[in-house]
Amino acid sequence: MRTELSDQLGITHPIFAFTPSEQVAAAVSRAGGLGVLGCVRFNDAEELDKVLTWMDENTDGKPYGVDIVMPAKIPSEGTATDLSQYIPQTHRDFVQETLRQLGVPPLPADDDPGREGVLGWLHSVARAHVEVALRHRPALIANALGSPPKDVIDQAHEHGIPVAALAGKAKHALSHLDNGVDIIIAQGTEAGGHTGEIATMVLVPEIVDAVGDRGHVLAAGGIGSGRQIAAALALGAHGVWMGSYWLTAAEYNLGTNDAIKRALIAAGSDQTVRSRVYSGKPARLLRTKWTEAWEAEGAPSPLPMPLQNLLVNDAHQRIAASDNPEVVAMPVGQIVGRMNSSRPVAELIDELVTDFDTALRRLEKLR
């Protein structure tokens, strides 16, 4: 399993693993892929700096990447307190009443898990993430919400670091290239998290054809086996971008509460929903009683990013602490139906490679 892009980045397999877990990201890099650490959870630049130092020391000298969230169409500055004034009281009341009806208890009075919200959604904080990352040795900087500003791309290029951006349409891919993006992540609607409406099987060849030789393309969405990696490469992709697949990895540490992992392992591929309730932008989530409450008659419309995230942050903290798989709030793709056990990353990578080889041998017989 080798492509021009994997050779360029110095990785054995063209498997790019997006994950909020540094343990998973490091394990993927050690296993020959490229672990890409999601930075949105870091409110504090010093904390991110410590984690990237840990990545530097625990990837056996192999490359890794970072993923930022830099939306362009929201207020670029301001604290959570500043922005919270724009959250209607009716939305706050709805959240509290929904939690009550779902039986989600309050957090302990002495538990303060960062109540101001995940500030990584803010443009200014994402810029700070870039500054921190450039003090380390990432082999890739990716932006989860499309092309970052031109000056950020130029800054990465000055450090010899390629930039990747997600695209849900061919026209978005071309815009990214015009801005200087090097790698287009063609993300189909099957994917977890922020995603568009076009299916991967349709989207990847459209973007491959549009991009031509101007950049590399990664296929994302609904990929959870070596057979699907082979299909992605057959469609013209230079590698695959996988996120949901690693959420049940043994290295993904959720502390003493494994309700999220239990919910994911039990879920089928038909148990996701594309909704704006998580962040304010369309994202695919696990369908639970929490997401269903937002779809019920009389529920308010989700707020735009980052207000929705600030609104539900405390609710997500309470849900995570409640140890109830039926109400978890978790982005995940339709590939969740294959994520039915918790295994080490190295084992998952080996299985992907073996299944890829088997698929190629099967196709060879058709010639």
Protein backbone atom coordinates (compact mmCIF):
# COMPACT_ATOMS: atom_id res chain seq x y z
CA MET A 1 0.00 0.00 0.00
CA ARG A 2 2.12 2.84 -1.31
CA THR A 3 1.44 6.09 -3.18
CA GLU A 4 3.37 9.13 -4.28
CA LEU A 5 1.92 11.03 -1.33
CA SER A 6 2.94 8.42 1.24
CA ASP A 7 6.48 8.54 -0.14
CA GLN A 8 6.44 12.35 -0.02
CA LEU A 9 5.45 12.39 3.66
CA GLY A 10 7.69 9.49 4.65
CA ILE A 11 4.94 7.13 5.80
CA THR A 12 4.56 3.43 5.03
CA HIS A 13 0.82 3.42 4.38
CA PRO A 14 -1.31 6.27 2.91
CA ILE A 15 -3.63 6.06 5.92
CA PHE A 16 -4.32 9.43 7.55
CA ALA A 17 -5.97 9.05 10.95
CA PHE A 18 -7.76 12.08 12.37
CA THR A 19 -8.28 11.73 16.12
CA PRO A 20 -8.64 13.95 19.21
CA SER A 21 -6.49 11.43 21.10
CA GLU A 22 -2.72 11.90 21.13
CA GLN A 23 -2.33 8.25 22.17
CA VAL A 24 -4.20 7.08 19.06
CA ALA A 25 -2.42 9.56 16.78
CA ALA A 26 1.00 8.47 18.00
CA ALA A 27 0.10 4.78 17.69
CA VAL A 28 -1.03 5.28 14.08
CA SER A 29 2.22 7.04 13.20
CA ARG A 30 4.27 4.32 14.86
CA ALA A 31 2.31 1.74 12.86
CA GLY A 32 3.19 3.39 9.53
CA GLY A 33 0.26 5.73 8.92
CA LEU A 34 0.00 9.44 9.68
CA GLY A 35 -1.70 10.22 12.97
CA VAL A 36 -3.36 13.65 12.82
CA LEU A 37 -4.15 15.20 16.19
CA GLY A 38 -7.36 17.21 16.40
CA CYS A 39 -6.58 20.45 18.24
CA VAL A 40 -10.07 21.88 18.73
CA ARG A 41 -10.32 20.58 22.30
CA PHE A 42 -7.37 22.68 23.46
CA ASN A 43 -8.45 26.00 24.95
CA ASP A 44 -4.98 26.62 26.31
CA ALA A 45 -1.96 26.96 24.01
CA GLU A 46 0.36 25.74 26.76
CA GLU A 47 -1.61 22.50 27.07
CA LEU A 48 -1.37 21.91 23.31
CA ASP A 49 2.36 22.63 23.46
CA LYS A 50 2.80 19.94 26.12
CA VAL A 51 0.79 17.41 24.12
CA LEU A 52 2.76 18.07 20.93
CA THR A 53 5.98 17.70 22.92
CA TRP A 54 4.65 14.32 24.01
CA MET A 55 3.89 13.51 20.34
CA ASP A 56 7.45 14.47 19.39
CA GLU A 57 8.76 12.05 21.99
CA ASN A 58 6.36 9.13 21.43
CA THR A 59 6.17 8.65 17.66
CA ASP A 60 9.60 7.01 17.24
CA GLY A 61 10.69 9.90 15.05
CA LYS A 62 7.91 9.17 12.56
CA PRO A 63 5.76 11.97 11.11
CA TYR A 64 2.44 13.15 12.47
CA GLY A 65 0.00 15.94 11.63
CA VAL A 66 -2.30 18.42 13.35
CA ASP A 67 -5.87 19.41 12.54
CA ILE A 68 -7.26 22.84 13.35
CA VAL A 69 -10.74 24.34 13.07
CA MET A 70 -10.63 27.77 11.47
CA PRO A 71 -14.09 28.85 10.30
CA ALA A 72 -14.13 31.99 8.18
CA LYS A 73 -17.70 33.27 8.56
CA ILE A 74 -18.01 33.87 12.30
CA PRO A 75 -16.80 36.66 14.63
CA SER A 76 -13.04 36.24 14.62
CA GLU A 77 -12.42 37.54 18.12
CA GLY A 78 -14.09 37.48 21.49
CA THR A 79 -14.22 35.28 24.57
CA ALA A 80 -16.90 32.77 25.43
CA THR A 81 -18.31 35.33 27.86
CA ASP A 82 -18.51 37.96 25.12
CA LEU A 83 -20.26 35.61 22.71
CA SER A 84 -22.62 34.06 25.26
CA GLN A 85 -24.72 37.23 25.28
CA TYR A 86 -25.93 36.23 21.81
CA ILE A 87 -27.42 32.94 23.05
CA PRO A 88 -31.22 33.30 23.51
CA GLN A 89 -32.65 32.36 26.86
CA THR A 90 -35.19 30.12 25.10
CA HIS A 91 -32.31 27.95 23.87
CA ARG A 92 -30.79 27.79 27.34
CA ASP A 93 -34.15 26.77 28.80
CA PHE A 94 -34.62 24.09 26.16
CA VAL A 95 -31.24 22.54 26.92
CA GLN A 96 -31.89 22.45 30.66
CA GLU A 97 -35.38 20.98 30.26
CA THR A 98 -34.11 18.35 27.82
CA LEU A 99 -31.39 17.27 30.22
CA ARG A 100 -33.98 17.02 32.99
CA GLN A 101 -36.29 14.88 30.86
CA LEU A 102 -33.40 12.61 29.85
CA GLY A 103 -32.38 12.16 33.47
CA VAL A 104 -28.92 13.67 33.04
CA PRO A 105 -27.71 14.80 36.48
CA PRO A 106 -25.80 18.04 37.10
CA LEU A 107 -22.05 17.94 37.43
CA PRO A 108 -20.65 17.94 40.97
CA ALA A 109 -20.33 21.44 42.39
CA ASP A 110 -16.55 21.15 42.54
CA ASP A 111 -16.25 19.81 38.98
CA ASP A 112 -15.23 22.58 36.59
CA PRO A 113 -14.22 20.93 33.27
CA GLY A 114 -13.76 24.14 31.32
CA ARG A 115 -17.27 25.59 31.48
CA GLU A 116 -16.48 28.40 29.08
CA GLY A 117 -16.75 26.03 26.13
CA VAL A 118 -14.34 24.63 23.62
CA LEU A 119 -12.69 27.80 22.35
CA GLY A 120 -10.87 25.97 19.58
CA TRP A 121 -13.91 26.79 17.44
CA LEU A 122 -12.84 30.44 17.54
CA HIS A 123 -10.72 31.76 14.69
CA SER A 124 -8.26 33.49 17.02
CA VAL A 125 -7.70 30.34 19.09
CA ALA A 126 -7.17 28.25 15.95
CA ARG A 127 -4.47 30.72 14.90
CA ALA A 128 -2.78 30.18 18.26
CA HIS A 129 -2.92 26.43 17.59
CA VAL A 130 -1.02 26.98 14.34
CA GLU A 131 1.62 29.06 16.10
CA VAL A 132 2.15 26.31 18.67
CA ALA A 133 2.23 23.55 16.05
CA LEU A 134 4.93 25.31 14.06
CA ARG A 135 7.21 25.12 17.11
CA HIS A 136 7.11 21.35 16.80
CA ARG A 137 7.55 18.96 13.84
CA PRO A 138 4.18 18.27 12.19
CA ALA A 139 4.37 16.84 8.68
CA LEU A 140 0.91 18.20 7.85
CA ILE A 141 -1.50 20.92 8.93
CA ALA A 142 -5.15 20.24 8.07
CA ASN A 143 -8.15 22.53 8.46
CA ALA A 144 -11.43 20.84 9.27
CA LEU A 145 -13.57 23.63 7.81
CA GLY A 146 -12.07 24.13 4.38
CA SER A 147 -9.24 26.38 3.31
CA PRO A 148 -7.54 28.38 6.06
CA PRO A 149 -6.62 32.01 5.37
CA LYS A 150 -3.87 32.56 2.81
CA ASP A 151 -1.41 33.91 5.37
CA VAL A 152 -1.77 30.75 7.46
CA ILE A 153 -1.08 28.59 4.40
CA ASP A 154 1.95 30.72 3.54
CA GLN A 155 3.20 30.42 7.11
CA ALA A 156 2.99 26.62 6.95
CA HIS A 157 4.74 26.55 3.58
CA GLU A 158 7.56 28.70 4.95
CA HIS A 159 8.18 25.85 7.41
CA GLY A 160 8.03 23.26 4.61
CA ILE A 161 4.70 21.88 5.84
CA PRO A 162 1.94 20.99 3.36
CA VAL A 163 -1.63 22.07 4.09
CA ALA A 164 -4.76 19.93 3.71
CA ALA A 165 -8.39 21.07 3.64
CA LEU A 166 -11.70 19.23 3.56
CA ALA A 167 -14.03 19.64 0.58
CA GLY A 168 -17.56 18.41 0.01
CA LYS A 169 -17.82 19.64 -3.58
CA ALA A 170 -15.45 19.88 -6.54
CA LYS A 171 -15.83 23.66 -6.64
CA HIS A 172 -14.68 23.85 -3.04
CA ALA A 173 -11.61 21.78 -3.91
CA LEU A 174 -10.70 24.18 -6.72
CA SER A 175 -11.09 27.15 -4.40
CA HIS A 176 -8.79 25.49 -1.87
CA LEU A 177 -6.16 24.94 -4.56
CA ASP A 178 -6.39 28.57 -5.63
CA ASN A 179 -5.66 29.54 -2.02
CA GLY A 180 -2.53 27.38 -1.98
CA VAL A 181 -3.82 24.20 -0.31
CA ASP A 182 -1.71 21.14 -1.22
CA ILE A 183 -3.95 18.22 -0.27
CA ILE A 184 -7.72 18.02 -0.78
CA ILE A 185 -9.66 15.76 1.56
CA ALA A 186 -12.72 14.71 -0.44
CA GLN A 187 -15.17 14.05 2.37
CA GLY A 188 -18.39 12.26 1.50
CA THR A 189 -21.58 12.62 3.48
CA GLU A 190 -21.02 9.23 5.15
CA ALA A 191 -18.25 10.77 7.24
CA GLY A 192 -18.53 11.73 10.88
CA GLY A 193 -18.32 15.33 11.99
CA HIS A 194 -18.76 18.26 9.61
CA THR A 195 -19.76 16.96 6.22
CA GLY A 196 -21.64 17.82 3.05
CA GLU A 197 -24.37 15.97 1.17
CA ILE A 198 -22.53 14.13 -1.67
CA ALA A 199 -21.62 10.47 -1.17
CA THR A 200 -17.97 9.41 -1.20
CA MET A 201 -18.32 7.12 -4.23
CA VAL A 202 -19.58 10.08 -6.26
CA LEU A 203 -17.48 12.82 -4.72
CA VAL A 204 -13.98 11.33 -4.89
CA PRO A 205 -13.74 10.87 -8.68
CA GLU A 206 -15.36 14.29 -9.21
CA ILE A 207 -12.69 15.96 -7.09
CA VAL A 208 -9.87 13.82 -8.51
CA ASP A 209 -10.85 14.90 -12.02
CA ALA A 210 -11.19 18.55 -11.00
CA VAL A 211 -7.86 18.64 -9.16
CA GLY A 212 -5.84 16.86 -11.86
CA ASP A 213 -2.13 17.26 -11.19
CA ARG A 214 -2.54 20.44 -9.10
CA GLY A 215 -2.59 18.55 -5.81
CA HIS A 216 -3.16 15.29 -4.01
CA VAL A 217 -6.57 13.94 -2.99
CA LEU A 218 -7.51 11.90 0.07
CA ALA A 219 -10.80 10.02 0.22
CA ALA A 220 -12.86 10.36 3.38
CA GLY A 221 -16.23 9.07 4.54
CA GLY A 222 -17.39 5.50 5.00
CA ILE A 223 -13.90 3.98 4.94
CA GLY A 224 -13.26 1.27 7.52
CA SER A 225 -11.67 -1.67 5.71
CA GLY A 226 -8.83 -2.46 3.37
CA ARG A 227 -11.35 -3.16 0.64
CA GLN A 228 -12.65 0.38 0.95
CA ILE A 229 -9.10 1.76 0.86
CA ALA A 230 -8.53 -0.19 -2.37
CA ALA A 231 -11.75 1.28 -3.76
CA ALA A 232 -10.65 4.80 -2.82
CA LEU A 233 -7.30 4.38 -4.57
CA ALA A 234 -9.08 2.89 -7.58
CA LEU A 235 -11.17 6.06 -7.74
CA GLY A 236 -7.97 8.08 -8.05
CA ALA A 237 -7.31 9.10 -4.44
CA HIS A 238 -3.72 9.19 -3.17
CA GLY A 239 -4.69 7.96 0.28
CA VAL A 240 -7.52 7.84 2.79
CA TRP A 241 -8.56 10.10 5.66
CA MET A 242 -10.17 8.09 8.45
CA GLY A 243 -11.62 9.56 11.63
CA SER A 244 -14.52 7.62 13.10
CA TYR A 245 -12.70 4.30 12.75
CA TRP A 246 -10.33 5.08 15.63
CA LEU A 247 -12.95 6.10 18.20
CA THR A 248 -13.19 2.56 19.58
CA ALA A 249 -9.44 1.88 19.49
CA ALA A 250 -8.04 0.51 22.73
CA GLU A 251 -5.72 3.52 23.03
CA TYR A 252 -8.64 5.96 22.97
CA ASN A 253 -8.80 6.75 26.67
CA LEU A 254 -12.18 7.99 27.90
CA GLY A 255 -11.27 7.70 31.58
CA THR A 256 -13.53 5.72 33.86
CA ASN A 257 -16.62 6.47 31.77
CA ASP A 258 -16.84 4.28 28.67
CA ALA A 259 -20.47 5.07 27.80
CA ILE A 260 -19.42 6.64 24.50
CA LYS A 261 -17.35 3.65 23.48
CA ARG A 262 -20.15 1.25 24.49
CA ALA A 263 -22.64 3.27 22.45
CA LEU A 264 -20.40 3.25 19.37
CA ILE A 265 -19.64 -0.48 19.59
CA ALA A 266 -23.37 -1.28 19.84
CA ALA A 267 -24.48 1.03 17.01
CA GLY A 268 -25.35 0.04 13.45
CA SER A 269 -24.51 1.96 10.29
CA ASP A 270 -28.08 3.28 10.15
CA GLN A 271 -27.84 4.93 13.58
CA THR A 272 -26.35 8.29 12.62
CA VAL A 273 -27.92 11.62 11.76
CA ARG A 274 -26.63 14.75 10.00
CA SER A 275 -27.48 17.68 12.22
CA ARG A 276 -26.37 21.16 13.33
CA VAL A 277 -26.94 20.48 17.04
CA TYR A 278 -23.30 19.70 17.87
CA SER A 279 -21.51 22.81 16.62
CA GLY A 280 -23.90 24.90 14.55
CA LYS A 281 -22.67 23.49 11.22
CA PRO A 282 -24.01 20.26 9.66
CA ALA A 283 -22.23 17.31 11.25
CA ARG A 284 -22.93 13.59 11.32
CA LEU A 285 -23.53 12.32 14.86
CA LEU A 286 -24.61 9.15 16.57
CA ARG A 287 -28.41 9.18 16.75
CA THR A 288 -29.41 9.16 20.43
CA LYS A 289 -32.15 10.53 22.65
CA TRP A 290 -30.19 13.80 22.76
CA THR A 291 -30.24 14.31 18.97
CA GLU A 292 -33.86 13.17 18.77
CA ALA A 293 -34.86 15.82 21.30
CA TRP A 294 -33.57 18.51 18.95
CA GLU A 295 -35.67 17.05 16.14
CA ALA A 296 -38.89 17.00 18.16
CA GLU A 297 -41.74 19.41 17.52
CA GLY A 298 -41.20 22.69 19.33
CA ALA A 299 -37.41 22.33 19.59
CA PRO A 300 -35.49 25.49 18.67
CA SER A 301 -33.26 25.65 15.61
CA PRO A 302 -29.55 25.23 16.40
CA LEU A 303 -27.53 28.42 16.62
CA PRO A 304 -24.68 29.26 14.23
CA MET A 305 -21.11 28.26 15.06
CA PRO A 306 -19.61 28.89 17.62
CA LEU A 307 -22.72 29.86 19.62
CA GLN A 308 -24.24 26.37 19.43
CA ASN A 309 -21.09 24.80 20.82
CA LEU A 310 -21.01 27.31 23.66
CA LEU A 311 -24.68 26.60 24.33
CA VAL A 312 -24.30 22.82 24.58
CA ASN A 313 -20.83 22.59 26.11
CA ASP A 314 -22.05 22.18 29.67
CA ALA A 315 -24.71 19.72 28.48
CA HIS A 316 -22.05 17.63 26.73
CA GLN A 317 -19.97 17.61 29.93
CA ARG A 318 -22.97 16.41 31.91
CA ILE A 319 -23.90 13.81 29.33
CA ALA A 320 -20.34 12.47 29.26
CA ALA A 321 -20.35 12.15 33.05
CA SER A 322 -23.76 10.47 33.18
CA ASP A 323 -22.55 7.08 31.89
CA ASN A 324 -25.67 6.60 29.77
CA PRO A 325 -25.03 5.30 26.22
CA GLU A 326 -28.57 6.26 25.15
CA VAL A 327 -27.91 10.00 25.39
CA VAL A 328 -24.27 10.44 24.32
CA ALA A 329 -23.43 13.37 22.06
CA MET A 330 -20.77 12.10 19.67
CA PRO A 331 -19.77 12.82 16.06
CA VAL A 332 -19.34 9.57 14.11
CA GLY A 333 -19.73 8.38 10.54
CA GLN A 334 -21.82 5.62 9.05
CA ILE A 335 -18.82 3.30 9.33
CA VAL A 336 -19.82 2.96 12.99
CA GLY A 337 -21.50 -0.32 12.05
CA ARG A 338 -18.04 -1.87 11.58
CA MET A 339 -16.65 -0.50 14.84
CA ASN A 340 -17.94 -3.36 16.96
CA SER A 341 -14.93 -4.04 19.19
CA SER A 342 -12.10 -2.23 20.95
CA ARG A 343 -8.69 -3.27 19.64
CA PRO A 344 -5.17 -1.79 19.58
CA VAL A 345 -4.29 0.58 16.76
CA ALA A 346 -1.46 -1.65 15.51
CA GLU A 347 -3.95 -4.51 15.09
CA LEU A 348 -6.40 -2.27 13.25
CA ILE A 349 -3.68 -1.08 10.84
CA ASP A 350 -2.49 -4.64 10.21
CA GLU A 351 -6.05 -5.70 9.41
CA LEU A 352 -6.50 -2.79 6.99
CA VAL A 353 -3.29 -3.66 5.15
CA THR A 354 -4.10 -7.38 5.00
CA ASP A 355 -7.61 -6.72 3.72
CA PHE A 356 -6.22 -4.29 1.14
CA ASP A 357 -3.80 -6.95 -0.15
CA THR A 358 -6.60 -9.52 -0.29
CA ALA A 359 -8.76 -7.11 -2.30
CA LEU A 360 -5.97 -6.50 -4.80
CA ARG A 361 -5.39 -10.23 -5.27
CA ARG A 362 -9.10 -10.76 -5.84
CA LEU A 363 -9.18 -7.99 -8.44
CA GLU A 364 -6.11 -9.38 -10.15
CA LYS A 365 -8.01 -12.59 -10.84
CA LEU A 366 -10.56 -10.59 -12.83
CA ARG A 367 -8.01 -9.54 -15.45
